[in-house]
Amino acid sequence: MLRINCPCCGPRDHDEFRYGGDASVVRPTQEDLSSEAWYRYVFIRNNPAGLHREYWQHALGCRHWLIVERNTRNHIIHSVDFAKEVGA
């Protein structure tokens, strides 16, 4: 089982969390309203092998949004930070 070390609540099972998506994807700006930019934002994703940043919400705990840096090869979590502190 994946254990996420919430900065507020401490180590918890991943069942308490909800996956929120890829934290490395950048939303198009208001100036770039092209359909190509939005197509790439919504549908085109990398499938990384190795370290990857992801959004997770501690839905059954403190309800904070977190950025979890996880190795997709072995599921080892390298860091957990509040999303608001990272500037996400």
PDB file of N, CA and C in Angstrom:
ATOM      1  N   MET A   1       0.834  -1.177   0.000  1.00  0.00           N
ATOM      2  CA  MET A   1       0.000   0.000   0.000  1.00  0.00           C
ATOM      3  C   MET A   1       0.881   1.243   0.000  1.00  0.00           C
ATOM      4  N   LEU A   2       0.487   2.228  -0.748  1.00  0.00           N
ATOM      5  CA  LEU A   2       1.193   3.504  -0.819  1.00  0.00           C
ATOM      6  C   LEU A   2       0.885   4.312   0.432  1.00  0.00           C
ATOM      7  N   ARG A   3       1.919   4.829   1.099  1.00  0.00           N
ATOM      8  CA  ARG A   3       1.755   5.671   2.288  1.00  0.00           C
ATOM      9  C   ARG A   3       2.244   7.066   1.945  1.00  0.00           C
ATOM     10  N   ILE A   4       1.392   8.048   2.181  1.00  0.00           N
ATOM     11  CA  ILE A   4       1.726   9.443   1.903  1.00  0.00           C
ATOM     12  C   ILE A   4       1.881  10.150   3.236  1.00  0.00           C
ATOM     13  N   ASN A   5       3.000  10.847   3.408  1.00  0.00           N
ATOM     14  CA  ASN A   5       3.288  11.560   4.649  1.00  0.00           C
ATOM     15  C   ASN A   5       2.719  12.975   4.553  1.00  0.00           C
ATOM     16  N   CYS A   6       1.472  13.146   4.987  1.00  0.00           N
ATOM     17  CA  CYS A   6       0.815  14.451   4.940  1.00  0.00           C
ATOM     18  C   CYS A   6       1.526  15.407   5.892  1.00  0.00           C
ATOM     19  N   PRO A   7       1.851  16.634   5.454  1.00  0.00           N
ATOM     20  CA  PRO A   7       2.521  17.590   6.336  1.00  0.00           C
ATOM     21  C   PRO A   7       1.699  17.958   7.576  1.00  0.00           C
ATOM     22  N   CYS A   8       0.375  17.844   7.502  1.00  0.00           N
ATOM     23  CA  CYS A   8      -0.489  18.151   8.655  1.00  0.00           C
ATOM     24  C   CYS A   8      -0.762  16.931   9.530  1.00  0.00           C
ATOM     25  N   CYS A   9      -1.060  15.808   8.903  1.00  0.00           N
ATOM     26  CA  CYS A   9      -1.610  14.650   9.611  1.00  0.00           C
ATOM     27  C   CYS A   9      -0.628  13.509   9.808  1.00  0.00           C
ATOM     28  N   GLY A  10       0.528  13.572   9.173  1.00  0.00           N
ATOM     29  CA  GLY A  10       1.494  12.489   9.284  1.00  0.00           C
ATOM     30  C   GLY A  10       1.243  11.402   8.246  1.00  0.00           C
ATOM     31  N   PRO A  11       1.935  10.267   8.357  1.00  0.00           N
ATOM     32  CA  PRO A  11       1.798   9.182   7.372  1.00  0.00           C
ATOM     33  C   PRO A  11       0.387   8.596   7.365  1.00  0.00           C
ATOM     34  N   ARG A  12      -0.182   8.488   6.151  1.00  0.00           N
ATOM     35  CA  ARG A  12      -1.534   7.946   5.989  1.00  0.00           C
ATOM     36  C   ARG A  12      -1.566   7.045   4.754  1.00  0.00           C
ATOM     37  N   ASP A  13      -2.485   6.071   4.758  1.00  0.00           N
ATOM     38  CA  ASP A  13      -2.692   5.222   3.591  1.00  0.00           C
ATOM     39  C   ASP A  13      -3.234   6.053   2.431  1.00  0.00           C
ATOM     40  N   HIS A  14      -2.905   5.657   1.215  1.00  0.00           N
ATOM     41  CA  HIS A  14      -3.329   6.429   0.048  1.00  0.00           C
ATOM     42  C   HIS A  14      -4.850   6.426  -0.124  1.00  0.00           C
ATOM     43  N   ASP A  15      -5.558   5.516   0.551  1.00  0.00           N
ATOM     44  CA  ASP A  15      -7.024   5.488   0.467  1.00  0.00           C
ATOM     45  C   ASP A  15      -7.663   6.769   0.993  1.00  0.00           C
ATOM     46  N   GLU A  16      -6.951   7.512   1.845  1.00  0.00           N
ATOM     47  CA  GLU A  16      -7.472   8.771   2.380  1.00  0.00           C
ATOM     48  C   GLU A  16      -7.324   9.918   1.390  1.00  0.00           C
ATOM     49  N   PHE A  17      -6.596   9.697   0.319  1.00  0.00           N
ATOM     50  CA  PHE A  17      -6.262  10.757  -0.630  1.00  0.00           C
ATOM     51  C   PHE A  17      -6.982  10.550  -1.957  1.00  0.00           C
ATOM     52  N   ARG A  18      -7.121  11.629  -2.702  1.00  0.00           N
ATOM     53  CA  ARG A  18      -7.670  11.576  -4.058  1.00  0.00           C
ATOM     54  C   ARG A  18      -6.624  12.149  -5.007  1.00  0.00           C
ATOM     55  N   TYR A  19      -6.353  11.393  -6.060  1.00  0.00           N
ATOM     56  CA  TYR A  19      -5.385  11.806  -7.077  1.00  0.00           C
ATOM     57  C   TYR A  19      -5.955  12.979  -7.853  1.00  0.00           C
ATOM     58  N   GLY A  20      -5.135  14.009  -8.073  1.00  0.00           N
ATOM     59  CA  GLY A  20      -5.606  15.212  -8.745  1.00  0.00           C
ATOM     60  C   GLY A  20      -4.959  15.479 -10.082  1.00  0.00           C
ATOM     61  N   GLY A  21      -4.059  14.629 -10.524  1.00  0.00           N
ATOM     62  CA  GLY A  21      -3.466  14.819 -11.841  1.00  0.00           C
ATOM     63  C   GLY A  21      -1.999  15.187 -11.805  1.00  0.00           C
ATOM     64  N   ASP A  22      -1.486  15.407 -12.979  1.00  0.00           N
ATOM     65  CA  ASP A  22      -0.085  15.721 -13.224  1.00  0.00           C
ATOM     66  C   ASP A  22       0.198  17.165 -12.794  1.00  0.00           C
ATOM     67  N   ALA A  23       1.127  17.351 -11.871  1.00  0.00           N
ATOM     68  CA  ALA A  23       1.455  18.688 -11.372  1.00  0.00           C
ATOM     69  C   ALA A  23       2.444  19.432 -12.265  1.00  0.00           C
ATOM     70  N   SER A  24       2.935  18.775 -13.302  1.00  0.00           N
ATOM     71  CA  SER A  24       3.905  19.441 -14.178  1.00  0.00           C
ATOM     72  C   SER A  24       3.249  20.063 -15.414  1.00  0.00           C
ATOM     73  N   VAL A  25       1.963  19.797 -15.622  1.00  0.00           N
ATOM     74  CA  VAL A  25       1.255  20.334 -16.785  1.00  0.00           C
ATOM     75  C   VAL A  25       0.920  21.807 -16.520  1.00  0.00           C
ATOM     76  N   VAL A  26       1.218  22.666 -17.503  1.00  0.00           N
ATOM     77  CA  VAL A  26       0.972  24.102 -17.369  1.00  0.00           C
ATOM     78  C   VAL A  26      -0.242  24.484 -18.207  1.00  0.00           C
ATOM     79  N   ARG A  27      -1.214  25.112 -17.560  1.00  0.00           N
ATOM     80  CA  ARG A  27      -2.431  25.555 -18.238  1.00  0.00           C
ATOM     81  C   ARG A  27      -2.099  26.673 -19.215  1.00  0.00           C
ATOM     82  N   PRO A  28      -2.721  26.691 -20.400  1.00  0.00           N
ATOM     83  CA  PRO A  28      -2.483  27.786 -21.350  1.00  0.00           C
ATOM     84  C   PRO A  28      -2.890  29.133 -20.751  1.00  0.00           C
ATOM     85  N   THR A  29      -2.198  30.172 -21.144  1.00  0.00           N
ATOM     86  CA  THR A  29      -2.508  31.513 -20.642  1.00  0.00           C
ATOM     87  C   THR A  29      -3.745  32.072 -21.323  1.00  0.00           C
ATOM     88  N   GLN A  30      -4.283  33.139 -20.788  1.00  0.00           N
ATOM     89  CA  GLN A  30      -5.441  33.805 -21.385  1.00  0.00           C
ATOM     90  C   GLN A  30      -5.117  34.343 -22.779  1.00  0.00           C
ATOM     91  N   GLU A  31      -3.858  34.663 -23.009  1.00  0.00           N
ATOM     92  CA  GLU A  31      -3.453  35.187 -24.311  1.00  0.00           C
ATOM     93  C   GLU A  31      -3.386  34.095 -25.376  1.00  0.00           C
ATOM     94  N   ASP A  32      -3.202  32.851 -24.951  1.00  0.00           N
ATOM     95  CA  ASP A  32      -3.080  31.742 -25.894  1.00  0.00           C
ATOM     96  C   ASP A  32      -4.377  30.935 -25.900  1.00  0.00           C
ATOM     97  N   LEU A  33      -5.339  31.371 -26.677  1.00  0.00           N
ATOM     98  CA  LEU A  33      -6.635  30.709 -26.723  1.00  0.00           C
ATOM     99  C   LEU A  33      -6.778  29.788 -27.927  1.00  0.00           C
ATOM    100  N   SER A  34      -5.670  29.416 -28.528  1.00  0.00           N
ATOM    101  CA  SER A  34      -5.740  28.556 -29.707  1.00  0.00           C
ATOM    102  C   SER A  34      -6.241  27.168 -29.336  1.00  0.00           C
ATOM    103  N   SER A  35      -6.950  26.553 -30.247  1.00  0.00           N
ATOM    104  CA  SER A  35      -7.468  25.217 -29.989  1.00  0.00           C
ATOM    105  C   SER A  35      -6.327  24.199 -29.863  1.00  0.00           C
ATOM    106  N   GLU A  36      -5.222  24.427 -30.539  1.00  0.00           N
ATOM    107  CA  GLU A  36      -4.070  23.529 -30.441  1.00  0.00           C
ATOM    108  C   GLU A  36      -3.497  23.538 -29.021  1.00  0.00           C
ATOM    109  N   ALA A  37      -3.367  24.725 -28.423  1.00  0.00           N
ATOM    110  CA  ALA A  37      -2.828  24.828 -27.059  1.00  0.00           C
ATOM    111  C   ALA A  37      -3.741  24.110 -26.065  1.00  0.00           C
ATOM    112  N   TRP A  38      -5.036  24.289 -26.199  1.00  0.00           N
ATOM    113  CA  TRP A  38      -5.977  23.625 -25.296  1.00  0.00           C
ATOM    114  C   TRP A  38      -6.038  22.125 -25.564  1.00  0.00           C
ATOM    115  N   TYR A  39      -5.944  21.707 -26.791  1.00  0.00           N
ATOM    116  CA  TYR A  39      -5.910  20.282 -27.121  1.00  0.00           C
ATOM    117  C   TYR A  39      -4.727  19.614 -26.423  1.00  0.00           C
ATOM    118  N   ARG A  40      -3.549  20.234 -26.529  1.00  0.00           N
ATOM    119  CA  ARG A  40      -2.351  19.675 -25.908  1.00  0.00           C
ATOM    120  C   ARG A  40      -2.493  19.645 -24.385  1.00  0.00           C
ATOM    121  N   TYR A  41      -3.082  20.687 -23.796  1.00  0.00           N
ATOM    122  CA  TYR A  41      -3.267  20.759 -22.344  1.00  0.00           C
ATOM    123  C   TYR A  41      -4.208  19.660 -21.836  1.00  0.00           C
ATOM    124  N   VAL A  42      -5.293  19.424 -22.553  1.00  0.00           N
ATOM    125  CA  VAL A  42      -6.313  18.477 -22.094  1.00  0.00           C
ATOM    126  C   VAL A  42      -5.951  17.025 -22.412  1.00  0.00           C
ATOM    127  N   PHE A  43      -5.423  16.772 -23.607  1.00  0.00           N
ATOM    128  CA  PHE A  43      -5.294  15.387 -24.059  1.00  0.00           C
ATOM    129  C   PHE A  43      -3.884  14.819 -24.127  1.00  0.00           C
ATOM    130  N   ILE A  44      -2.875  15.628 -24.295  1.00  0.00           N
ATOM    131  CA  ILE A  44      -1.517  15.124 -24.511  1.00  0.00           C
ATOM    132  C   ILE A  44      -0.770  15.073 -23.176  1.00  0.00           C
ATOM    133  N   ARG A  45      -0.375  13.885 -22.772  1.00  0.00           N
ATOM    134  CA  ARG A  45       0.333  13.693 -21.507  1.00  0.00           C
ATOM    135  C   ARG A  45       1.526  12.774 -21.720  1.00  0.00           C
ATOM    136  N   ASN A  46       2.582  13.039 -20.969  1.00  0.00           N
ATOM    137  CA  ASN A  46       3.725  12.134 -20.935  1.00  0.00           C
ATOM    138  C   ASN A  46       3.404  10.982 -20.003  1.00  0.00           C
ATOM    139  N   ASN A  47       4.080   9.881 -20.187  1.00  0.00           N
ATOM    140  CA  ASN A  47       3.963   8.735 -19.298  1.00  0.00           C
ATOM    141  C   ASN A  47       5.359   8.476 -18.741  1.00  0.00           C
ATOM    142  N   PRO A  48       5.767   9.262 -17.733  1.00  0.00           N
ATOM    143  CA  PRO A  48       7.152   9.211 -17.277  1.00  0.00           C
ATOM    144  C   PRO A  48       7.484   7.940 -16.508  1.00  0.00           C
ATOM    145  N   ALA A  49       8.709   7.510 -16.663  1.00  0.00           N
ATOM    146  CA  ALA A  49       9.253   6.424 -15.848  1.00  0.00           C
ATOM    147  C   ALA A  49      10.322   7.064 -14.970  1.00  0.00           C
ATOM    148  N   GLY A  50      10.054   7.145 -13.687  1.00  0.00           N
ATOM    149  CA  GLY A  50      10.975   7.799 -12.758  1.00  0.00           C
ATOM    150  C   GLY A  50      10.240   8.834 -11.935  1.00  0.00           C
ATOM    151  N   LEU A  51      10.960   9.854 -11.488  1.00  0.00           N
ATOM    152  CA  LEU A  51      10.359  10.882 -10.635  1.00  0.00           C
ATOM    153  C   LEU A  51       9.289  11.666 -11.382  1.00  0.00           C
ATOM    154  N   HIS A  52       8.178  11.869 -10.700  1.00  0.00           N
ATOM    155  CA  HIS A  52       7.032  12.554 -11.301  1.00  0.00           C
ATOM    156  C   HIS A  52       6.302  13.330 -10.211  1.00  0.00           C
ATOM    157  N   ARG A  53       5.879  14.565 -10.538  1.00  0.00           N
ATOM    158  CA  ARG A  53       5.135  15.400  -9.582  1.00  0.00           C
ATOM    159  C   ARG A  53       3.636  15.262  -9.846  1.00  0.00           C
ATOM    160  N   GLU A  54       2.877  15.010  -8.777  1.00  0.00           N
ATOM    161  CA  GLU A  54       1.446  14.776  -8.893  1.00  0.00           C
ATOM    162  C   GLU A  54       0.684  15.569  -7.832  1.00  0.00           C
ATOM    163  N   TYR A  55      -0.538  15.983  -8.181  1.00  0.00           N
ATOM    164  CA  TYR A  55      -1.437  16.587  -7.195  1.00  0.00           C
ATOM    165  C   TYR A  55      -2.186  15.480  -6.467  1.00  0.00           C
ATOM    166  N   TRP A  56      -2.284  15.583  -5.154  1.00  0.00           N
ATOM    167  CA  TRP A  56      -3.104  14.704  -4.332  1.00  0.00           C
ATOM    168  C   TRP A  56      -3.817  15.572  -3.301  1.00  0.00           C
ATOM    169  N   GLN A  57      -5.085  15.256  -3.026  1.00  0.00           N
ATOM    170  CA  GLN A  57      -5.816  15.960  -1.978  1.00  0.00           C
ATOM    171  C   GLN A  57      -6.061  14.997  -0.830  1.00  0.00           C
ATOM    172  N   HIS A  58      -5.803  15.458   0.386  1.00  0.00           N
ATOM    173  CA  HIS A  58      -6.072  14.623   1.559  1.00  0.00           C
ATOM    174  C   HIS A  58      -7.565  14.743   1.888  1.00  0.00           C
ATOM    175  N   ALA A  59      -8.371  14.066   1.092  1.00  0.00           N
ATOM    176  CA  ALA A  59      -9.828  14.203   1.124  1.00  0.00           C
ATOM    177  C   ALA A  59     -10.452  13.730   2.432  1.00  0.00           C
ATOM    178  N   LEU A  60      -9.901  12.706   3.052  1.00  0.00           N
ATOM    179  CA  LEU A  60     -10.476  12.182   4.296  1.00  0.00           C
ATOM    180  C   LEU A  60      -9.680  12.625   5.514  1.00  0.00           C
ATOM    181  N   GLY A  61      -8.920  13.682   5.353  1.00  0.00           N
ATOM    182  CA  GLY A  61      -8.121  14.213   6.455  1.00  0.00           C
ATOM    183  C   GLY A  61      -8.253  15.727   6.504  1.00  0.00           C
ATOM    184  N   CYS A  62      -7.134  16.408   6.368  1.00  0.00           N
ATOM    185  CA  CYS A  62      -7.094  17.869   6.487  1.00  0.00           C
ATOM    186  C   CYS A  62      -7.624  18.600   5.253  1.00  0.00           C
ATOM    187  N   ARG A  63      -7.852  17.876   4.147  1.00  0.00           N
ATOM    188  CA  ARG A  63      -8.398  18.384   2.888  1.00  0.00           C
ATOM    189  C   ARG A  63      -7.429  19.291   2.119  1.00  0.00           C
ATOM    190  N   HIS A  64      -6.185  19.367   2.526  1.00  0.00           N
ATOM    191  CA  HIS A  64      -5.192  20.167   1.805  1.00  0.00           C
ATOM    192  C   HIS A  64      -4.820  19.505   0.485  1.00  0.00           C
ATOM    193  N   TRP A  65      -4.503  20.345  -0.503  1.00  0.00           N
ATOM    194  CA  TRP A  65      -3.927  19.862  -1.762  1.00  0.00           C
ATOM    195  C   TRP A  65      -2.428  19.796  -1.592  1.00  0.00           C
ATOM    196  N   LEU A  66      -1.846  18.703  -2.058  1.00  0.00           N
ATOM    197  CA  LEU A  66      -0.418  18.459  -1.914  1.00  0.00           C
ATOM    198  C   LEU A  66       0.205  18.188  -3.273  1.00  0.00           C
ATOM    199  N   ILE A  67       1.497  18.434  -3.354  1.00  0.00           N
ATOM    200  CA  ILE A  67       2.275  17.986  -4.507  1.00  0.00           C
ATOM    201  C   ILE A  67       3.198  16.889  -4.004  1.00  0.00           C
ATOM    202  N   VAL A  68       2.990  15.709  -4.561  1.00  0.00           N
ATOM    203  CA  VAL A  68       3.745  14.521  -4.167  1.00  0.00           C
ATOM    204  C   VAL A  68       4.714  14.191  -5.296  1.00  0.00           C
ATOM    205  N   GLU A  69       5.990  14.105  -4.956  1.00  0.00           N
ATOM    206  CA  GLU A  69       6.988  13.675  -5.933  1.00  0.00           C
ATOM    207  C   GLU A  69       7.213  12.186  -5.706  1.00  0.00           C
ATOM    208  N   ARG A  70       6.812  11.370  -6.711  1.00  0.00           N
ATOM    209  CA  ARG A  70       6.802   9.919  -6.574  1.00  0.00           C
ATOM    210  C   ARG A  70       7.553   9.294  -7.737  1.00  0.00           C
ATOM    211  N   ASN A  71       8.292   8.239  -7.440  1.00  0.00           N
ATOM    212  CA  ASN A  71       8.968   7.477  -8.485  1.00  0.00           C
ATOM    213  C   ASN A  71       7.948   6.497  -9.055  1.00  0.00           C
ATOM    214  N   THR A  72       7.635   6.621 -10.336  1.00  0.00           N
ATOM    215  CA  THR A  72       6.611   5.780 -10.955  1.00  0.00           C
ATOM    216  C   THR A  72       7.090   4.345 -11.188  1.00  0.00           C
ATOM    217  N   ARG A  73       8.374   4.104 -11.049  1.00  0.00           N
ATOM    218  CA  ARG A  73       8.886   2.742 -11.239  1.00  0.00           C
ATOM    219  C   ARG A  73       8.687   1.866 -10.004  1.00  0.00           C
ATOM    220  N   ASN A  74       8.853   2.468  -8.812  1.00  0.00           N
ATOM    221  CA  ASN A  74       8.774   1.669  -7.587  1.00  0.00           C
ATOM    222  C   ASN A  74       7.819   2.262  -6.544  1.00  0.00           C
ATOM    223  N   HIS A  75       7.166   3.372  -6.860  1.00  0.00           N
ATOM    224  CA  HIS A  75       6.186   4.046  -6.002  1.00  0.00           C
ATOM    225  C   HIS A  75       6.774   4.616  -4.717  1.00  0.00           C
ATOM    226  N   ILE A  76       8.079   4.806  -4.668  1.00  0.00           N
ATOM    227  CA  ILE A  76       8.691   5.445  -3.504  1.00  0.00           C
ATOM    228  C   ILE A  76       8.422   6.941  -3.586  1.00  0.00           C
ATOM    229  N   ILE A  77       7.923   7.496  -2.493  1.00  0.00           N
ATOM    230  CA  ILE A  77       7.633   8.930  -2.434  1.00  0.00           C
ATOM    231  C   ILE A  77       8.872   9.655  -1.924  1.00  0.00           C
ATOM    232  N   HIS A  78       9.307  10.654  -2.694  1.00  0.00           N
ATOM    233  CA  HIS A  78      10.517  11.395  -2.358  1.00  0.00           C
ATOM    234  C   HIS A  78      10.235  12.678  -1.603  1.00  0.00           C
ATOM    235  N   SER A  79       9.092  13.318  -1.867  1.00  0.00           N
ATOM    236  CA  SER A  79       8.754  14.542  -1.147  1.00  0.00           C
ATOM    237  C   SER A  79       7.249  14.791  -1.210  1.00  0.00           C
ATOM    238  N   VAL A  80       6.760  15.505  -0.193  1.00  0.00           N
ATOM    239  CA  VAL A  80       5.361  15.921  -0.137  1.00  0.00           C
ATOM    240  C   VAL A  80       5.355  17.356   0.362  1.00  0.00           C
ATOM    241  N   ASP A  81       4.742  18.252  -0.406  1.00  0.00           N
ATOM    242  CA  ASP A  81       4.655  19.668  -0.042  1.00  0.00           C
ATOM    243  C   ASP A  81       3.243  20.157  -0.248  1.00  0.00           C
ATOM    244  N   PHE A  82       2.858  21.212   0.493  1.00  0.00           N
ATOM    245  CA  PHE A  82       1.576  21.852   0.223  1.00  0.00           C
ATOM    246  C   PHE A  82       1.614  22.478  -1.156  1.00  0.00           C
ATOM    247  N   ALA A  83       0.573  22.305  -1.944  1.00  0.00           N
ATOM    248  CA  ALA A  83       0.532  22.868  -3.292  1.00  0.00           C
ATOM    249  C   ALA A  83       0.598  24.386  -3.236  1.00  0.00           C
ATOM    250  N   LYS A  84      -0.034  25.016  -2.237  1.00  0.00           N
ATOM    251  CA  LYS A  84      -0.039  26.475  -2.157  1.00  0.00           C
ATOM    252  C   LYS A  84       1.351  27.039  -1.864  1.00  0.00           C
ATOM    253  N   GLU A  85       2.210  26.275  -1.184  1.00  0.00           N
ATOM    254  CA  GLU A  85       3.559  26.742  -0.890  1.00  0.00           C
ATOM    255  C   GLU A  85       4.491  26.600  -2.078  1.00  0.00           C
ATOM    256  N   VAL A  86       4.192  25.660  -2.953  1.00  0.00           N
ATOM    257  CA  VAL A  86       5.015  25.441  -4.138  1.00  0.00           C
ATOM    258  C   VAL A  86       4.639  26.437  -5.225  1.00  0.00           C
ATOM    259  N   GLY A  87       3.475  27.055  -5.085  1.00  0.00           N
ATOM    260  CA  GLY A  87       3.026  28.019  -6.071  1.00  0.00           C
ATOM    261  C   GLY A  87       2.215  27.374  -7.182  1.00  0.00           C
ATOM    262  N   ALA A  88       1.630  26.255  -6.886  1.00  0.00           N
ATOM    263  CA  ALA A  88       0.828  25.541  -7.890  1.00  0.00           C
ATOM    264  C   ALA A  88      -0.565  26.110  -7.985  1.00  0.00           C
TER     265      ALA A  88
END
